[in-house]
Amino acid sequence: MPTYEYQCQKCGHGFSEFQRIVDPPIKDCPKCKRKDCVEQIISGGSGLIFKGSGFYETDYKRKSSGPSSSKSSDTKKD
């Protein structure tokens, strides 16, 4: 779901709202409580965000042909 940017034309209050695409745009200002004074602002967006662990390791890491590095790092040298 996208995040939409809004700004009140009366009080200048700017805010973001996380909405479904099919939801109607917000018309009423949550700060000054006036009706039909909010307009949607076109923003640059937030870009692509990767969350979680293991993205690099599971998707793009090259397979090594030799023994795995975790086995060699477990042994101790005297």
C-alpha atoms as a PDB file:
ATOM      1  CA  MET A   1       0.000   0.000   0.000  1.00  0.00           C
ATOM      2  CA  PRO A   2       1.329   3.422  -0.907  1.00  0.00           C
ATOM      3  CA  THR A   3       1.818   6.420   1.352  1.00  0.00           C
ATOM      4  CA  TYR A   4       0.121   9.594   0.157  1.00  0.00           C
ATOM      5  CA  GLU A   5       1.159  13.153   1.048  1.00  0.00           C
ATOM      6  CA  TYR A   6      -1.503  15.752   1.834  1.00  0.00           C
ATOM      7  CA  GLN A   7      -1.517  19.451   2.718  1.00  0.00           C
ATOM      8  CA  CYS A   8      -4.283  21.670   4.097  1.00  0.00           C
ATOM      9  CA  GLN A   9      -4.922  24.813   2.036  1.00  0.00           C
ATOM     10  CA  LYS A  10      -6.263  26.720   5.066  1.00  0.00           C
ATOM     11  CA  CYS A  11      -3.788  26.045   7.900  1.00  0.00           C
ATOM     12  CA  GLY A  12      -0.826  24.662   5.890  1.00  0.00           C
ATOM     13  CA  HIS A  13      -0.673  21.409   7.874  1.00  0.00           C
ATOM     14  CA  GLY A  14       1.158  18.695   5.925  1.00  0.00           C
ATOM     15  CA  PHE A  15       0.738  14.993   6.704  1.00  0.00           C
ATOM     16  CA  SER A  16       1.199  11.513   5.255  1.00  0.00           C
ATOM     17  CA  GLU A  17      -1.399   8.794   5.112  1.00  0.00           C
ATOM     18  CA  PHE A  18      -0.897   5.080   4.439  1.00  0.00           C
ATOM     19  CA  GLN A  19      -3.862   4.133   2.209  1.00  0.00           C
ATOM     20  CA  ARG A  20      -5.014   1.561  -0.295  1.00  0.00           C
ATOM     21  CA  ILE A  21      -4.996   2.654  -3.940  1.00  0.00           C
ATOM     22  CA  VAL A  22      -8.783   2.331  -4.205  1.00  0.00           C
ATOM     23  CA  ASP A  23      -9.435   4.525  -1.105  1.00  0.00           C
ATOM     24  CA  PRO A  24     -10.802   8.005  -1.843  1.00  0.00           C
ATOM     25  CA  PRO A  25      -8.445  10.948  -1.178  1.00  0.00           C
ATOM     26  CA  ILE A  26      -8.705  12.687   2.194  1.00  0.00           C
ATOM     27  CA  LYS A  27     -10.671  15.954   2.044  1.00  0.00           C
ATOM     28  CA  ASP A  28     -10.836  17.091   5.702  1.00  0.00           C
ATOM     29  CA  CYS A  29      -7.885  18.436   7.705  1.00  0.00           C
ATOM     30  CA  PRO A  30      -7.127  16.448  10.884  1.00  0.00           C
ATOM     31  CA  LYS A  31      -5.540  19.498  12.555  1.00  0.00           C
ATOM     32  CA  CYS A  32      -7.930  22.417  11.926  1.00  0.00           C
ATOM     33  CA  LYS A  33     -10.982  20.142  11.311  1.00  0.00           C
ATOM     34  CA  ARG A  34     -12.147  22.149   8.266  1.00  0.00           C
ATOM     35  CA  LYS A  35     -13.984  20.368   5.470  1.00  0.00           C
ATOM     36  CA  ASP A  36     -12.845  20.102   1.828  1.00  0.00           C
ATOM     37  CA  CYS A  37      -9.578  22.002   2.287  1.00  0.00           C
ATOM     38  CA  VAL A  38      -6.975  19.223   1.887  1.00  0.00           C
ATOM     39  CA  GLU A  39      -5.289  18.441  -1.397  1.00  0.00           C
ATOM     40  CA  GLN A  40      -3.052  15.542  -2.340  1.00  0.00           C
ATOM     41  CA  ILE A  41       0.558  16.464  -3.101  1.00  0.00           C
ATOM     42  CA  ILE A  42       2.639  14.663  -5.692  1.00  0.00           C
ATOM     43  CA  SER A  43       5.838  13.477  -4.031  1.00  0.00           C
ATOM     44  CA  GLY A  44       8.969  11.718  -5.193  1.00  0.00           C
ATOM     45  CA  GLY A  45       8.175   8.597  -3.205  1.00  0.00           C
ATOM     46  CA  SER A  46      10.386   6.671  -0.872  1.00  0.00           C
ATOM     47  CA  GLY A  47      12.094   4.411  -3.374  1.00  0.00           C
ATOM     48  CA  LEU A  48      12.805   0.737  -2.971  1.00  0.00           C
ATOM     49  CA  ILE A  49      13.286  -0.485   0.594  1.00  0.00           C
ATOM     50  CA  PHE A  50      14.737  -3.882   1.497  1.00  0.00           C
ATOM     51  CA  LYS A  51      13.827  -5.183   4.937  1.00  0.00           C
ATOM     52  CA  GLY A  52      14.862  -8.314   6.747  1.00  0.00           C
ATOM     53  CA  SER A  53      18.002 -10.364   6.963  1.00  0.00           C
ATOM     54  CA  GLY A  54      19.471 -12.688   4.404  1.00  0.00           C
ATOM     55  CA  PHE A  55      18.586 -10.764   1.252  1.00  0.00           C
ATOM     56  CA  TYR A  56      22.123 -10.789  -0.130  1.00  0.00           C
ATOM     57  CA  GLU A  57      23.006 -14.260   1.076  1.00  0.00           C
ATOM     58  CA  THR A  58      19.926 -16.006  -0.259  1.00  0.00           C
ATOM     59  CA  ASP A  59      19.459 -14.216  -3.558  1.00  0.00           C
ATOM     60  CA  TYR A  60      22.691 -12.929  -5.036  1.00  0.00           C
ATOM     61  CA  LYS A  61      25.619 -14.583  -3.334  1.00  0.00           C
ATOM     62  CA  ARG A  62      27.824 -16.687  -5.581  1.00  0.00           C
ATOM     63  CA  LYS A  63      28.152 -20.329  -4.726  1.00  0.00           C
ATOM     64  CA  SER A  64      31.695 -21.202  -3.649  1.00  0.00           C
ATOM     65  CA  SER A  65      33.300 -24.296  -5.123  1.00  0.00           C
ATOM     66  CA  GLY A  66      35.579 -24.967  -2.157  1.00  0.00           C
ATOM     67  CA  PRO A  67      34.784 -25.820   1.453  1.00  0.00           C
ATOM     68  CA  SER A  68      32.468 -23.403   3.203  1.00  0.00           C
ATOM     69  CA  SER A  69      34.076 -20.617   5.219  1.00  0.00           C
ATOM     70  CA  SER A  70      32.017 -21.408   8.336  1.00  0.00           C
ATOM     71  CA  LYS A  71      33.702 -24.806   8.725  1.00  0.00           C
ATOM     72  CA  SER A  72      37.202 -23.371   8.442  1.00  0.00           C
ATOM     73  CA  SER A  73      36.483 -20.567  10.888  1.00  0.00           C
ATOM     74  CA  ASP A  74      35.216 -23.011  13.549  1.00  0.00           C
ATOM     75  CA  THR A  75      38.641 -24.685  13.934  1.00  0.00           C
ATOM     76  CA  LYS A  76      41.110 -23.041  16.292  1.00  0.00           C
ATOM     77  CA  LYS A  77      44.811 -22.671  15.570  1.00  0.00           C
ATOM     78  CA  ASP A  78      47.349 -23.183  18.356  1.00  0.00           C
END
